Protein backbone atom coordinates (compact mmCIF):
# COMPACT_ATOMS: atom_id res chain seq x y z
CA UNK A 1 30.19 16.23 150.39
CA UNK A 2 28.66 19.10 149.10
CA UNK A 3 30.36 22.80 148.53
CA UNK A 4 28.09 25.74 149.63
CA UNK A 5 28.50 28.61 147.47
CA UNK A 6 29.48 31.87 149.39
CA UNK A 7 27.22 35.02 148.24
CA UNK A 8 29.32 38.32 148.16
CA UNK A 9 28.03 41.80 148.66
CA UNK A 10 28.02 44.29 146.39
CA UNK A 11 30.29 46.62 148.26
CA UNK A 12 32.73 43.63 148.60
CA UNK A 13 32.77 43.15 144.84
CA UNK A 14 33.09 46.92 144.38
CA UNK A 15 35.96 47.01 146.99
CA UNK A 16 37.80 44.31 144.90
CA UNK A 17 37.35 45.92 141.67
CA UNK A 18 38.49 49.56 143.01
CA UNK A 19 41.73 47.52 144.14
CA UNK A 20 42.12 45.85 140.76
CA UNK A 21 41.73 49.14 139.03
CA UNK A 22 44.13 50.47 141.22
CA UNK A 23 46.86 48.05 139.97
CA UNK A 24 46.95 45.22 142.76
CA UNK A 25 47.50 41.85 141.58
CA UNK A 26 44.78 39.52 141.17
CA UNK A 27 46.36 36.78 142.33
CA UNK A 28 47.35 38.57 145.76
CA UNK A 29 43.97 39.57 146.31
CA UNK A 30 42.82 36.10 145.55
CA UNK A 31 45.10 34.50 148.38
CA UNK A 32 44.20 37.40 150.67
CA UNK A 33 40.43 37.30 150.22
CA UNK A 34 40.33 33.45 149.52
CA UNK A 35 38.35 33.93 146.38
CA UNK A 36 39.25 32.56 142.99
CA UNK A 37 40.69 35.05 140.79
CA UNK A 38 38.80 33.96 137.94
CA UNK A 39 35.39 35.46 139.85
CA UNK A 40 37.02 38.93 140.04
CA UNK A 41 37.48 38.98 136.29
CA UNK A 42 33.58 38.26 136.17
CA UNK A 43 32.81 40.91 138.46
CA UNK A 44 34.93 43.51 136.38
CA UNK A 45 33.22 42.44 133.37
CA UNK A 46 30.02 42.80 134.91
CA UNK A 47 30.85 46.44 136.33
CA UNK A 48 32.22 47.28 133.15
CA UNK A 49 29.06 46.32 131.23
CA UNK A 50 26.53 47.64 133.50
CA UNK A 51 27.96 49.78 136.64
CA UNK A 52 27.34 48.70 140.23
CA UNK A 53 23.66 47.98 139.34
CA UNK A 54 24.92 45.13 137.41
CA UNK A 55 26.91 43.26 140.54
CA UNK A 56 23.89 42.11 142.12
CA UNK A 57 23.57 39.50 144.77
CA UNK A 58 20.86 37.22 142.67
CA UNK A 59 22.50 34.76 140.20
CA UNK A 60 21.76 34.98 136.54
CA UNK A 61 18.50 33.74 135.88
CA UNK A 62 18.43 30.11 134.62
CA UNK A 63 17.99 29.45 131.38
CA UNK A 64 14.58 28.31 129.95
CA UNK A 65 14.84 25.37 127.34
CA UNK A 66 12.80 26.20 123.99
CA UNK A 67 12.81 30.07 124.93
CA UNK A 68 13.61 31.56 121.67
CA UNK A 69 15.37 34.88 121.58
CA UNK A 70 13.20 38.08 121.36
CA UNK A 71 12.97 38.68 117.25
CA UNK A 72 15.18 41.64 115.96
CA UNK A 73 13.21 44.27 114.18
CA UNK A 74 13.01 43.85 110.31
CA UNK A 75 14.18 47.60 109.86
CA UNK A 76 17.30 47.31 111.49
CA UNK A 77 18.12 43.97 109.53
CA UNK A 78 17.22 46.00 106.42
CA UNK A 79 19.12 48.63 106.93
CA UNK A 80 22.03 46.38 108.12
CA UNK A 81 21.69 44.40 105.01
CA UNK A 82 21.85 47.79 102.65
CA UNK A 83 25.08 48.94 104.56
CA UNK A 84 26.56 45.66 103.72
CA UNK A 85 25.61 45.92 100.48
CA UNK A 86 27.24 49.57 100.23
CA UNK A 87 30.79 48.24 102.00
CA UNK A 88 30.72 45.10 99.29
CA UNK A 89 30.57 47.66 96.35
CA UNK A 90 33.19 49.85 98.03
CA UNK A 91 35.38 47.11 98.31
CA UNK A 92 34.69 46.18 94.66
CA UNK A 93 35.55 49.57 93.29
CA UNK A 94 38.83 49.45 95.48
CA UNK A 95 39.88 46.34 94.20
CA UNK A 96 39.40 47.43 90.70
CA UNK A 97 41.70 50.60 91.31
CA UNK A 98 43.85 48.27 92.86
CA UNK A 99 44.18 46.03 89.55
CA UNK A 100 44.76 49.27 87.61
CA UNK A 101 47.48 50.75 89.54
CA UNK A 102 49.50 47.24 89.86
CA UNK A 103 49.30 46.95 85.83
CA UNK A 104 50.46 50.61 85.46
CA UNK A 105 53.26 49.84 87.98
CA UNK A 106 54.27 46.90 85.84
CA UNK A 107 54.33 48.85 82.52
CA UNK A 108 56.18 51.39 83.99
CA UNK A 109 58.82 48.91 85.45
CA UNK A 110 59.29 47.15 82.15
CA UNK A 111 59.60 50.48 80.15
CA UNK A 112 62.48 51.09 82.37
CA UNK A 113 66.22 50.04 80.90
CA UNK A 114 68.32 48.19 83.77
CA UNK A 115 71.89 49.95 83.55
CA UNK A 116 74.91 47.87 83.73
CA UNK A 117 77.03 50.51 85.15
CA UNK A 118 77.00 53.21 87.79
CA UNK A 119 75.66 56.66 86.69
CA UNK A 120 74.35 57.67 83.17
CA UNK A 121 75.34 56.09 80.19
CA UNK A 122 76.13 57.83 77.20
CA UNK A 123 73.87 58.02 74.12
CA UNK A 124 76.52 58.17 71.51
CA UNK A 125 80.13 57.00 71.21
CA UNK A 126 82.78 59.70 71.74
CA UNK A 127 83.38 61.59 68.58
CA UNK A 128 87.43 61.85 69.44
CA UNK A 129 89.20 60.01 66.51
CA UNK A 130 92.69 58.65 67.38
């Protein structure tokens, strides 16, 4: 028993997308239209990536085994590597500064004397004699 794949028009897909964007629940749309809800999300993704032109009737092209992706331009790659180096240097500088301030904070906290009582303690005993 083979299942025949249904083909939906671009107008149908656009109407579903409009209804989804208007706030209708996907589960309700799925029951009403008899289309799996997951397909709606795929259409929405295609629409957001390329607009209505991306909702064509034809299926995506089949993958050709052994085909290599187009080479990336060396200029873009070199610029990306340079930018990565800049960002790594910036992170290193920020780590040095963070270490410095953490050490300074430890020294300031160590120099403070803890007080046993509330308020300010006297530096000398009372001069009153009894």
